[in-house]
Amino acid sequence: MNHTLDFFHKLDQIMKQDFGNRGLLCSLPDNPVEQTFCSLASAKRVILLTGFPVKMADGTVVGETDGPCGTADLAAALLKAGASVLVVTDRPSYELLKEALFYRAPEAGLFMLPEDNTADFIRGCMKSFKPTHFISLERPGKAKDGHCHNMRGEIIDDMITDSSLFLSEAKKYGAVTISIGDGGNEMGMGAYEQEIRLHVPSGDAICTKEAADLTLAAGVSNWWGWGMAALLSLHTGTSLLPTEGQECESLHRVVLAGGVDGCTKERTETVDQLPMSVHLSILRSVACLVEEHLEQEAGRLRKAISA
């Protein structure tokens, strides 16, 4: 097997580790890793959308820890690869993204979705920024009933600002749309409708209607922040991944800013009920894969020069 294709296959396997035992990943086809890699070669102006809300016992709504860190890591990699980056979220996750981006990607722009005239804001973003790519990571999407749902099937429309227009508007402007999710209720996951309905509890209710051009699934959505940074690393010839220390600090800042674990609703430095040690094991695997590939490429270049 070509070593680059082998890289794509191994990255797909790393992303699909199901520590949370959700059951969806084993039913899905291979992630379109090669297509995503090829697409990222032309990433010049990228809009990133994230933010999944959680309602606390006292009725307040805050953002969860899955989303901000992965988005910040992806923003950092895109910036280092020479792209311009605009990150968008809504009120519950704004402070979380602000802290994560300040630490990991301070050159990225950050906008809060306005609660009024949201459609005009989205169209304005598209017209002024002219994105080559639109990437959603752990962002609720609308199901066939026209509502957004959490994993329990509960309607969460009152907790978020409607951002669904981003996907269709991005396509109108010719941007490549990429959606990242781990449960089936995220924006753009409609490509896997059959699998979600069959293998996810409440899948009939929560499965999102629309599909992105490229849909990436993982055990935890944040992981594809590293996965896409790994693909960008192949384009640049240098690792664009965060260090383990940077990842720990990023999550620490997100939690201090008010982020909670989306599964437990607790303000702990966990993501989807998984401790940091599990997430770092994934990051370590991706980093080793990138390092191995870059070393192989450097070796081939040296042989070509000396031939």
C-alpha atoms as a PDB file:
ATOM      1  CA  MET A   1       0.000   0.000   0.000  1.00  0.00           C
ATOM      2  CA  ASN A   2       1.229   3.527  -0.799  1.00  0.00           C
ATOM      3  CA  HIS A   3       2.567   4.956   2.462  1.00  0.00           C
ATOM      4  CA  THR A   4       0.352   8.054   2.200  1.00  0.00           C
ATOM      5  CA  LEU A   5      -2.748   5.905   1.743  1.00  0.00           C
ATOM      6  CA  ASP A   6      -1.563   3.835   4.693  1.00  0.00           C
ATOM      7  CA  PHE A   7      -1.357   7.077   6.684  1.00  0.00           C
ATOM      8  CA  PHE A   8      -4.985   7.902   5.844  1.00  0.00           C
ATOM      9  CA  HIS A   9      -6.128   4.427   6.865  1.00  0.00           C
ATOM     10  CA  LYS A  10      -4.261   4.531  10.182  1.00  0.00           C
ATOM     11  CA  LEU A  11      -5.561   8.028  10.954  1.00  0.00           C
ATOM     12  CA  ASP A  12      -9.113   6.843  10.302  1.00  0.00           C
ATOM     13  CA  GLN A  13      -8.612   3.951  12.722  1.00  0.00           C
ATOM     14  CA  ILE A  14      -7.280   6.271  15.430  1.00  0.00           C
ATOM     15  CA  MET A  15     -10.208   8.671  15.064  1.00  0.00           C
ATOM     16  CA  LYS A  16     -12.775   5.875  15.255  1.00  0.00           C
ATOM     17  CA  GLN A  17     -11.760   4.441  18.627  1.00  0.00           C
ATOM     18  CA  ASP A  18     -15.011   4.247  20.581  1.00  0.00           C
ATOM     19  CA  PHE A  19     -14.017   4.631  24.233  1.00  0.00           C
ATOM     20  CA  GLY A  20     -17.507   5.910  24.989  1.00  0.00           C
ATOM     21  CA  ASN A  21     -19.125   2.767  23.532  1.00  0.00           C
ATOM     22  CA  ARG A  22     -21.625   4.748  21.472  1.00  0.00           C
ATOM     23  CA  GLY A  23     -21.831   2.006  18.863  1.00  0.00           C
ATOM     24  CA  LEU A  24     -22.161   4.228  15.797  1.00  0.00           C
ATOM     25  CA  LEU A  25     -18.585   4.228  14.552  1.00  0.00           C
ATOM     26  CA  CYS A  26     -18.338   0.506  13.799  1.00  0.00           C
ATOM     27  CA  SER A  27     -21.318   0.797  11.442  1.00  0.00           C
ATOM     28  CA  LEU A  28     -19.902   3.661   9.384  1.00  0.00           C
ATOM     29  CA  PRO A  29     -17.861   3.440   6.183  1.00  0.00           C
ATOM     30  CA  ASP A  30     -14.301   4.738   6.161  1.00  0.00           C
ATOM     31  CA  ASN A  31     -13.995   8.446   6.810  1.00  0.00           C
ATOM     32  CA  PRO A  32     -13.206  10.396   3.597  1.00  0.00           C
ATOM     33  CA  VAL A  33      -9.684  11.111   4.821  1.00  0.00           C
ATOM     34  CA  GLU A  34      -7.968  11.225   1.434  1.00  0.00           C
ATOM     35  CA  GLN A  35     -10.651  13.523   0.001  1.00  0.00           C
ATOM     36  CA  THR A  36     -10.313  15.810   3.019  1.00  0.00           C
ATOM     37  CA  PHE A  37      -6.538  15.877   2.614  1.00  0.00           C
ATOM     38  CA  CYS A  38      -6.826  16.843  -1.047  1.00  0.00           C
ATOM     39  CA  SER A  39      -9.423  19.495  -0.259  1.00  0.00           C
ATOM     40  CA  LEU A  40      -7.268  21.128   2.426  1.00  0.00           C
ATOM     41  CA  ALA A  41      -4.605  21.880  -0.181  1.00  0.00           C
ATOM     42  CA  SER A  42      -6.823  24.747  -1.363  1.00  0.00           C
ATOM     43  CA  ALA A  43      -7.878  26.016   2.083  1.00  0.00           C
ATOM     44  CA  LYS A  44      -7.255  29.762   1.931  1.00  0.00           C
ATOM     45  CA  ARG A  45     -10.152  31.274   3.880  1.00  0.00           C
ATOM     46  CA  VAL A  46     -11.886  29.031   6.397  1.00  0.00           C
ATOM     47  CA  ILE A  47     -14.946  29.583   8.580  1.00  0.00           C
ATOM     48  CA  LEU A  48     -15.073  27.311  11.635  1.00  0.00           C
ATOM     49  CA  LEU A  49     -18.368  26.858  13.504  1.00  0.00           C
ATOM     50  CA  THR A  50     -18.695  25.146  16.879  1.00  0.00           C
ATOM     51  CA  GLY A  51     -20.494  25.254  20.212  1.00  0.00           C
ATOM     52  CA  PHE A  52     -22.833  22.688  21.726  1.00  0.00           C
ATOM     53  CA  PRO A  53     -25.045  23.923  24.595  1.00  0.00           C
ATOM     54  CA  VAL A  54     -25.781  22.192  27.881  1.00  0.00           C
ATOM     55  CA  LYS A  55     -28.636  23.179  30.226  1.00  0.00           C
ATOM     56  CA  MET A  56     -27.611  23.074  33.874  1.00  0.00           C
ATOM     57  CA  ALA A  57     -29.825  22.207  36.868  1.00  0.00           C
ATOM     58  CA  ASP A  58     -30.409  25.896  37.623  1.00  0.00           C
ATOM     59  CA  GLY A  59     -31.605  26.532  34.068  1.00  0.00           C
ATOM     60  CA  THR A  60     -28.496  28.316  32.845  1.00  0.00           C
ATOM     61  CA  VAL A  61     -27.045  27.292  29.500  1.00  0.00           C
ATOM     62  CA  VAL A  62     -23.306  26.814  29.041  1.00  0.00           C
ATOM     63  CA  GLY A  63     -21.079  25.347  26.366  1.00  0.00           C
ATOM     64  CA  GLU A  64     -19.573  21.886  26.562  1.00  0.00           C
ATOM     65  CA  THR A  65     -15.878  20.994  26.492  1.00  0.00           C
ATOM     66  CA  ASP A  66     -16.139  19.051  23.224  1.00  0.00           C
ATOM     67  CA  GLY A  67     -15.713  21.585  20.444  1.00  0.00           C
ATOM     68  CA  PRO A  68     -13.675  24.574  21.659  1.00  0.00           C
ATOM     69  CA  CYS A  69     -10.309  22.823  22.039  1.00  0.00           C
ATOM     70  CA  GLY A  70     -10.562  20.915  18.770  1.00  0.00           C
ATOM     71  CA  THR A  71     -11.635  24.056  16.929  1.00  0.00           C
ATOM     72  CA  ALA A  72      -8.758  26.068  18.419  1.00  0.00           C
ATOM     73  CA  ASP A  73      -6.260  23.353  17.463  1.00  0.00           C
ATOM     74  CA  LEU A  74      -7.610  23.282  13.906  1.00  0.00           C
ATOM     75  CA  ALA A  75      -7.537  27.085  13.718  1.00  0.00           C
ATOM     76  CA  ALA A  76      -3.895  27.084  14.839  1.00  0.00           C
ATOM     77  CA  ALA A  77      -2.944  24.520  12.194  1.00  0.00           C
ATOM     78  CA  LEU A  78      -4.792  26.353   9.421  1.00  0.00           C
ATOM     79  CA  LEU A  79      -3.110  29.640  10.319  1.00  0.00           C
ATOM     80  CA  LYS A  80       0.326  28.010  10.267  1.00  0.00           C
ATOM     81  CA  ALA A  81      -0.544  26.512   6.884  1.00  0.00           C
ATOM     82  CA  GLY A  82      -1.197  30.018   5.560  1.00  0.00           C
ATOM     83  CA  ALA A  83      -5.003  30.213   5.701  1.00  0.00           C
ATOM     84  CA  SER A  84      -7.147  32.990   7.117  1.00  0.00           C
ATOM     85  CA  VAL A  85      -9.518  31.753   9.808  1.00  0.00           C
ATOM     86  CA  LEU A  86     -12.817  33.036  11.157  1.00  0.00           C
ATOM     87  CA  VAL A  87     -14.362  31.199  14.121  1.00  0.00           C
ATOM     88  CA  VAL A  88     -18.072  31.558  14.872  1.00  0.00           C
ATOM     89  CA  THR A  89     -20.069  30.399  17.875  1.00  0.00           C
ATOM     90  CA  ASP A  90     -23.003  31.605  19.963  1.00  0.00           C
ATOM     91  CA  ARG A  91     -23.338  32.995  23.465  1.00  0.00           C
ATOM     92  CA  PRO A  92     -23.058  29.782  25.563  1.00  0.00           C
ATOM     93  CA  SER A  93     -19.669  28.876  24.059  1.00  0.00           C
ATOM     94  CA  TYR A  94     -18.256  32.313  23.259  1.00  0.00           C
ATOM     95  CA  GLU A  95     -16.086  32.740  26.354  1.00  0.00           C
ATOM     96  CA  LEU A  96     -14.829  29.164  25.972  1.00  0.00           C
ATOM     97  CA  LEU A  97     -13.716  29.828  22.402  1.00  0.00           C
ATOM     98  CA  LYS A  98     -12.271  33.186  23.353  1.00  0.00           C
ATOM     99  CA  GLU A  99      -9.956  31.560  25.905  1.00  0.00           C
ATOM    100  CA  ALA A 100      -9.004  28.613  23.697  1.00  0.00           C
ATOM    101  CA  LEU A 101      -8.241  30.809  20.696  1.00  0.00           C
ATOM    102  CA  PHE A 102      -6.323  33.388  22.749  1.00  0.00           C
ATOM    103  CA  TYR A 103      -4.056  30.568  23.851  1.00  0.00           C
ATOM    104  CA  ARG A 104      -3.793  28.493  20.665  1.00  0.00           C
ATOM    105  CA  ALA A 105      -4.666  30.738  17.712  1.00  0.00           C
ATOM    106  CA  PRO A 106      -4.774  34.436  18.657  1.00  0.00           C
ATOM    107  CA  GLU A 107      -4.646  35.530  15.011  1.00  0.00           C
ATOM    108  CA  ALA A 108      -7.982  33.862  14.255  1.00  0.00           C
ATOM    109  CA  GLY A 109     -11.053  36.057  14.115  1.00  0.00           C
ATOM    110  CA  LEU A 110     -13.895  35.281  16.518  1.00  0.00           C
ATOM    111  CA  PHE A 111     -17.522  36.308  16.104  1.00  0.00           C
ATOM    112  CA  MET A 112     -20.557  35.656  18.269  1.00  0.00           C
ATOM    113  CA  LEU A 113     -23.704  34.796  16.339  1.00  0.00           C
ATOM    114  CA  PRO A 114     -26.224  37.573  16.970  1.00  0.00           C
ATOM    115  CA  GLU A 115     -29.544  36.378  18.341  1.00  0.00           C
ATOM    116  CA  ASP A 116     -31.409  38.827  16.109  1.00  0.00           C
ATOM    117  CA  ASN A 117     -31.055  39.059  12.321  1.00  0.00           C
ATOM    118  CA  THR A 118     -28.935  35.915  12.389  1.00  0.00           C
ATOM    119  CA  ALA A 119     -29.594  35.045   8.746  1.00  0.00           C
ATOM    120  CA  ASP A 120     -28.385  38.472   7.618  1.00  0.00           C
ATOM    121  CA  PHE A 121     -25.235  38.027   9.702  1.00  0.00           C
ATOM    122  CA  ILE A 122     -24.512  34.626   8.124  1.00  0.00           C
ATOM    123  CA  ARG A 123     -25.040  35.912   4.603  1.00  0.00           C
ATOM    124  CA  GLY A 124     -22.836  38.891   5.420  1.00  0.00           C
ATOM    125  CA  CYS A 125     -20.067  36.591   6.637  1.00  0.00           C
ATOM    126  CA  MET A 126     -20.178  34.666   3.401  1.00  0.00           C
ATOM    127  CA  LYS A 127     -20.199  37.771   1.230  1.00  0.00           C
ATOM    128  CA  SER A 128     -17.329  39.532   3.017  1.00  0.00           C
ATOM    129  CA  PHE A 129     -15.094  36.568   3.918  1.00  0.00           C
ATOM    130  CA  LYS A 130     -15.686  34.487   0.762  1.00  0.00           C
ATOM    131  CA  PRO A 131     -14.649  31.209   2.390  1.00  0.00           C
ATOM    132  CA  THR A 132     -12.977  28.440   0.446  1.00  0.00           C
ATOM    133  CA  HIS A 133     -13.991  26.055   3.239  1.00  0.00           C
ATOM    134  CA  PHE A 134     -16.674  25.868   5.906  1.00  0.00           C
ATOM    135  CA  ILE A 135     -16.027  23.433   8.755  1.00  0.00           C
ATOM    136  CA  SER A 136     -18.453  22.654  11.569  1.00  0.00           C
ATOM    137  CA  LEU A 137     -17.144  20.755  14.581  1.00  0.00           C
ATOM    138  CA  GLU A 138     -19.562  19.528  17.262  1.00  0.00           C
ATOM    139  CA  ARG A 139     -22.319  21.945  16.305  1.00  0.00           C
ATOM    140  CA  PRO A 140     -26.012  20.947  16.538  1.00  0.00           C
ATOM    141  CA  GLY A 141     -27.807  20.458  13.254  1.00  0.00           C
ATOM    142  CA  LYS A 142     -31.494  20.352  12.417  1.00  0.00           C
ATOM    143  CA  ALA A 143     -33.272  17.007  12.151  1.00  0.00           C
ATOM    144  CA  LYS A 144     -36.086  16.308   9.707  1.00  0.00           C
ATOM    145  CA  ASP A 145     -38.588  17.758  12.189  1.00  0.00           C
ATOM    146  CA  GLY A 146     -36.826  21.131  11.855  1.00  0.00           C
ATOM    147  CA  HIS A 147     -35.452  21.064  15.413  1.00  0.00           C
ATOM    148  CA  CYS A 148     -32.034  20.558  16.982  1.00  0.00           C
ATOM    149  CA  HIS A 149     -31.758  17.741  19.527  1.00  0.00           C
ATOM    150  CA  ASN A 150     -29.342  16.544  22.176  1.00  0.00           C
ATOM    151  CA  MET A 151     -28.329  12.882  22.437  1.00  0.00           C
ATOM    152  CA  ARG A 152     -31.350  12.144  24.627  1.00  0.00           C
ATOM    153  CA  GLY A 153     -33.660  13.313  21.849  1.00  0.00           C
ATOM    154  CA  GLU A 154     -34.672  16.494  23.687  1.00  0.00           C
ATOM    155  CA  ILE A 155     -35.282  19.607  21.581  1.00  0.00           C
ATOM    156  CA  ILE A 156     -32.653  22.257  22.352  1.00  0.00           C
ATOM    157  CA  ASP A 157     -33.773  25.086  20.047  1.00  0.00           C
ATOM    158  CA  ASP A 158     -34.189  27.448  22.993  1.00  0.00           C
ATOM    159  CA  MET A 159     -30.550  26.912  23.983  1.00  0.00           C
ATOM    160  CA  ILE A 160     -28.815  27.904  20.745  1.00  0.00           C
ATOM    161  CA  THR A 161     -28.803  30.523  18.026  1.00  0.00           C
ATOM    162  CA  ASP A 162     -29.925  29.005  14.738  1.00  0.00           C
ATOM    163  CA  SER A 163     -26.814  28.568  12.599  1.00  0.00           C
ATOM    164  CA  SER A 164     -28.192  26.043  10.094  1.00  0.00           C
ATOM    165  CA  LEU A 165     -28.045  28.545   7.223  1.00  0.00           C
ATOM    166  CA  PHE A 166     -24.241  28.409   7.267  1.00  0.00           C
ATOM    167  CA  LEU A 167     -24.133  25.025   5.560  1.00  0.00           C
ATOM    168  CA  SER A 168     -26.403  25.856   2.629  1.00  0.00           C
ATOM    169  CA  GLU A 169     -24.959  29.360   2.177  1.00  0.00           C
ATOM    170  CA  ALA A 170     -21.418  27.998   2.153  1.00  0.00           C
ATOM    171  CA  LYS A 171     -22.372  25.623  -0.637  1.00  0.00           C
ATOM    172  CA  LYS A 172     -23.928  28.495  -2.604  1.00  0.00           C
ATOM    173  CA  TYR A 173     -20.620  30.358  -2.406  1.00  0.00           C
ATOM    174  CA  GLY A 174     -18.744  27.313  -3.657  1.00  0.00           C
ATOM    175  CA  ALA A 175     -17.004  26.580  -0.368  1.00  0.00           C
ATOM    176  CA  VAL A 176     -16.130  23.002   0.501  1.00  0.00           C
ATOM    177  CA  THR A 177     -18.267  21.991   3.487  1.00  0.00           C
ATOM    178  CA  ILE A 178     -16.804  19.637   6.083  1.00  0.00           C
ATOM    179  CA  SER A 179     -18.722  18.495   9.153  1.00  0.00           C
ATOM    180  CA  ILE A 180     -17.343  16.728  12.207  1.00  0.00           C
ATOM    181  CA  GLY A 181     -19.451  14.819  14.724  1.00  0.00           C
ATOM    182  CA  ASP A 182     -19.545  11.859  17.070  1.00  0.00           C
ATOM    183  CA  GLY A 183     -23.224  11.154  17.687  1.00  0.00           C
ATOM    184  CA  GLY A 184     -25.325  11.908  14.630  1.00  0.00           C
ATOM    185  CA  ASN A 185     -27.054  15.057  15.893  1.00  0.00           C
ATOM    186  CA  GLU A 186     -24.331  17.374  14.643  1.00  0.00           C
ATOM    187  CA  MET A 187     -24.611  19.662  11.645  1.00  0.00           C
ATOM    188  CA  GLY A 188     -23.857  17.932   8.343  1.00  0.00           C
ATOM    189  CA  MET A 189     -24.136  14.353   9.626  1.00  0.00           C
ATOM    190  CA  GLY A 190     -27.069  13.569   7.348  1.00  0.00           C
ATOM    191  CA  ALA A 191     -24.707  11.616   5.103  1.00  0.00           C
ATOM    192  CA  TYR A 192     -24.906   8.798   7.654  1.00  0.00           C
ATOM    193  CA  GLU A 193     -28.685   8.881   8.142  1.00  0.00           C
ATOM    194  CA  GLN A 194     -29.234   5.144   7.740  1.00  0.00           C
ATOM    195  CA  GLU A 195     -26.493   4.180  10.199  1.00  0.00           C
ATOM    196  CA  ILE A 196     -27.566   6.794  12.747  1.00  0.00           C
ATOM    197  CA  ARG A 197     -31.180   5.669  12.672  1.00  0.00           C
ATOM    198  CA  LEU A 198     -30.183   2.032  13.105  1.00  0.00           C
ATOM    199  CA  HIS A 199     -27.400   2.270  15.670  1.00  0.00           C
ATOM    200  CA  VAL A 200     -27.909   5.419  17.771  1.00  0.00           C
ATOM    201  CA  PRO A 201     -30.471   5.631  20.599  1.00  0.00           C
ATOM    202  CA  SER A 202     -33.155   8.135  19.529  1.00  0.00           C
ATOM    203  CA  GLY A 203     -31.471   8.107  16.113  1.00  0.00           C
ATOM    204  CA  ASP A 204     -34.775   8.599  14.292  1.00  0.00           C
ATOM    205  CA  ALA A 205     -35.339  11.833  16.191  1.00  0.00           C
ATOM    206  CA  ILE A 206     -31.852  13.328  16.372  1.00  0.00           C
ATOM    207  CA  CYS A 207     -30.324  12.480  12.984  1.00  0.00           C
ATOM    208  CA  THR A 208     -29.565  15.692  11.153  1.00  0.00           C
ATOM    209  CA  LYS A 209     -31.192  16.234   7.787  1.00  0.00           C
ATOM    210  CA  GLU A 210     -28.468  17.966   5.789  1.00  0.00           C
ATOM    211  CA  ALA A 211     -25.179  16.457   4.680  1.00  0.00           C
ATOM    212  CA  ALA A 212     -21.865  18.217   4.238  1.00  0.00           C
ATOM    213  CA  ASP A 213     -19.644  17.570   1.232  1.00  0.00           C
ATOM    214  CA  LEU A 214     -17.308  15.658   3.548  1.00  0.00           C
ATOM    215  CA  THR A 215     -18.412  14.168   6.862  1.00  0.00           C
ATOM    216  CA  LEU A 216     -15.887  13.057   9.477  1.00  0.00           C
ATOM    217  CA  ALA A 217     -16.869  10.924  12.457  1.00  0.00           C
ATOM    218  CA  ALA A 218     -14.814  10.254  15.580  1.00  0.00           C
ATOM    219  CA  GLY A 219     -15.105   8.848  19.068  1.00  0.00           C
ATOM    220  CA  VAL A 220     -14.961  12.472  20.246  1.00  0.00           C
ATOM    221  CA  SER A 221     -15.405  15.400  17.857  1.00  0.00           C
ATOM    222  CA  ASN A 222     -12.414  17.289  19.289  1.00  0.00           C
ATOM    223  CA  TRP A 223     -10.120  14.580  17.944  1.00  0.00           C
ATOM    224  CA  TRP A 224     -10.667  15.637  14.361  1.00  0.00           C
ATOM    225  CA  GLY A 225      -9.102  18.987  15.283  1.00  0.00           C
ATOM    226  CA  TRP A 226      -5.917  16.938  15.614  1.00  0.00           C
ATOM    227  CA  GLY A 227      -6.810  14.742  12.647  1.00  0.00           C
ATOM    228  CA  MET A 228      -7.153  17.694  10.299  1.00  0.00           C
ATOM    229  CA  ALA A 229      -4.029  19.293  11.771  1.00  0.00           C
ATOM    230  CA  ALA A 230      -2.281  16.029  10.910  1.00  0.00           C
ATOM    231  CA  LEU A 231      -3.468  16.265   7.298  1.00  0.00           C
ATOM    232  CA  LEU A 232      -2.293  19.864   7.103  1.00  0.00           C
ATOM    233  CA  SER A 233       1.058  18.709   8.496  1.00  0.00           C
ATOM    234  CA  LEU A 234       1.501  16.521   5.430  1.00  0.00           C
ATOM    235  CA  HIS A 235       0.914  19.535   3.190  1.00  0.00           C
ATOM    236  CA  THR A 236       3.404  21.741   5.039  1.00  0.00           C
ATOM    237  CA  GLY A 237       6.025  19.101   5.821  1.00  0.00           C
ATOM    238  CA  THR A 238       6.092  19.994   9.510  1.00  0.00           C
ATOM    239  CA  SER A 239       3.975  18.914  12.470  1.00  0.00           C
ATOM    240  CA  LEU A 240       1.144  21.334  13.214  1.00  0.00           C
ATOM    241  CA  LEU A 241      -0.208  19.379  16.186  1.00  0.00           C
ATOM    242  CA  PRO A 242      -0.387  20.778  19.710  1.00  0.00           C
ATOM    243  CA  THR A 243       1.883  19.368  22.379  1.00  0.00           C
ATOM    244  CA  GLU A 244       0.306  17.378  25.183  1.00  0.00           C
ATOM    245  CA  GLY A 245       1.042  20.248  27.536  1.00  0.00           C
ATOM    246  CA  GLN A 246      -0.699  22.712  25.251  1.00  0.00           C
ATOM    247  CA  GLU A 247      -3.753  20.469  25.036  1.00  0.00           C
ATOM    248  CA  CYS A 248      -3.989  20.162  28.815  1.00  0.00           C
ATOM    249  CA  GLU A 249      -3.664  23.916  29.219  1.00  0.00           C
ATOM    250  CA  SER A 250      -6.261  24.564  26.522  1.00  0.00           C
ATOM    251  CA  LEU A 251      -8.856  22.359  28.224  1.00  0.00           C
ATOM    252  CA  HIS A 252      -7.975  23.885  31.594  1.00  0.00           C
ATOM    253  CA  ARG A 253      -8.721  27.360  30.220  1.00  0.00           C
ATOM    254  CA  VAL A 254     -11.980  26.223  28.628  1.00  0.00           C
ATOM    255  CA  VAL A 255     -13.198  24.814  31.942  1.00  0.00           C
ATOM    256  CA  LEU A 256     -12.132  27.933  33.844  1.00  0.00           C
ATOM    257  CA  ALA A 257     -14.155  29.946  31.324  1.00  0.00           C
ATOM    258  CA  GLY A 258     -17.266  27.937  32.262  1.00  0.00           C
ATOM    259  CA  GLY A 259     -17.163  24.868  30.046  1.00  0.00           C
ATOM    260  CA  VAL A 260     -18.728  21.623  31.274  1.00  0.00           C
ATOM    261  CA  ASP A 261     -18.523  17.989  30.240  1.00  0.00           C
ATOM    262  CA  GLY A 262     -21.483  17.477  27.908  1.00  0.00           C
ATOM    263  CA  CYS A 263     -22.246  14.027  29.323  1.00  0.00           C
ATOM    264  CA  THR A 264     -21.922  14.695  33.053  1.00  0.00           C
ATOM    265  CA  LYS A 265     -22.752  18.427  33.093  1.00  0.00           C
ATOM    266  CA  GLU A 266     -19.875  18.823  35.545  1.00  0.00           C
ATOM    267  CA  ARG A 267     -17.159  21.455  35.387  1.00  0.00           C
ATOM    268  CA  THR A 268     -14.312  18.962  35.150  1.00  0.00           C
ATOM    269  CA  GLU A 269     -11.345  18.685  32.824  1.00  0.00           C
ATOM    270  CA  THR A 270     -12.950  15.824  30.915  1.00  0.00           C
ATOM    271  CA  VAL A 271     -14.571  15.607  27.496  1.00  0.00           C
ATOM    272  CA  ASP A 272     -17.534  13.291  26.884  1.00  0.00           C
ATOM    273  CA  GLN A 273     -16.929  11.659  30.250  1.00  0.00           C
ATOM    274  CA  LEU A 274     -13.409  10.600  29.244  1.00  0.00           C
ATOM    275  CA  PRO A 275     -10.388  11.659  31.326  1.00  0.00           C
ATOM    276  CA  MET A 276      -7.564  13.666  29.817  1.00  0.00           C
ATOM    277  CA  SER A 277      -5.333  10.582  29.785  1.00  0.00           C
ATOM    278  CA  VAL A 278      -7.568   8.979  27.145  1.00  0.00           C
ATOM    279  CA  HIS A 279      -7.550  12.064  24.943  1.00  0.00           C
ATOM    280  CA  LEU A 280      -3.789  12.416  25.259  1.00  0.00           C
ATOM    281  CA  SER A 281      -3.376   8.800  24.150  1.00  0.00           C
ATOM    282  CA  ILE A 282      -5.211   9.706  20.929  1.00  0.00           C
ATOM    283  CA  LEU A 283      -3.110  12.837  20.442  1.00  0.00           C
ATOM    284  CA  ARG A 284       0.045  10.790  21.042  1.00  0.00           C
ATOM    285  CA  SER A 285      -0.992   8.247  18.419  1.00  0.00           C
ATOM    286  CA  VAL A 286      -1.679  10.970  15.865  1.00  0.00           C
ATOM    287  CA  ALA A 287       1.602  12.726  16.649  1.00  0.00           C
ATOM    288  CA  CYS A 288       3.572   9.476  16.236  1.00  0.00           C
ATOM    289  CA  LEU A 289       1.822   8.808  12.930  1.00  0.00           C
ATOM    290  CA  VAL A 290       2.709  12.282  11.633  1.00  0.00           C
ATOM    291  CA  GLU A 291       6.305  12.059  12.834  1.00  0.00           C
ATOM    292  CA  GLU A 292       6.766   8.666  11.178  1.00  0.00           C
ATOM    293  CA  HIS A 293       5.319   9.900   7.891  1.00  0.00           C
ATOM    294  CA  LEU A 294       7.412  13.082   7.817  1.00  0.00           C
ATOM    295  CA  GLU A 295      10.565  11.082   8.549  1.00  0.00           C
ATOM    296  CA  GLN A 296       9.744   8.720   5.691  1.00  0.00           C
ATOM    297  CA  GLU A 297       9.218  11.653   3.350  1.00  0.00           C
ATOM    298  CA  ALA A 298      12.503  13.248   4.425  1.00  0.00           C
ATOM    299  CA  GLY A 299      14.293   9.943   3.810  1.00  0.00           C
ATOM    300  CA  ARG A 300      12.835   9.668   0.328  1.00  0.00           C
ATOM    301  CA  LEU A 301      13.903  13.221  -0.436  1.00  0.00           C
ATOM    302  CA  ARG A 302      17.459  12.534   0.714  1.00  0.00           C
ATOM    303  CA  LYS A 303      17.629   9.440  -1.492  1.00  0.00           C
ATOM    304  CA  ALA A 304      16.303  11.373  -4.474  1.00  0.00           C
ATOM    305  CA  ILE A 305      18.902  14.120  -3.985  1.00  0.00           C
ATOM    306  CA  SER A 306      21.772  11.669  -3.643  1.00  0.00           C
ATOM    307  CA  ALA A 307      20.678   9.521  -6.606  1.00  0.00           C
END
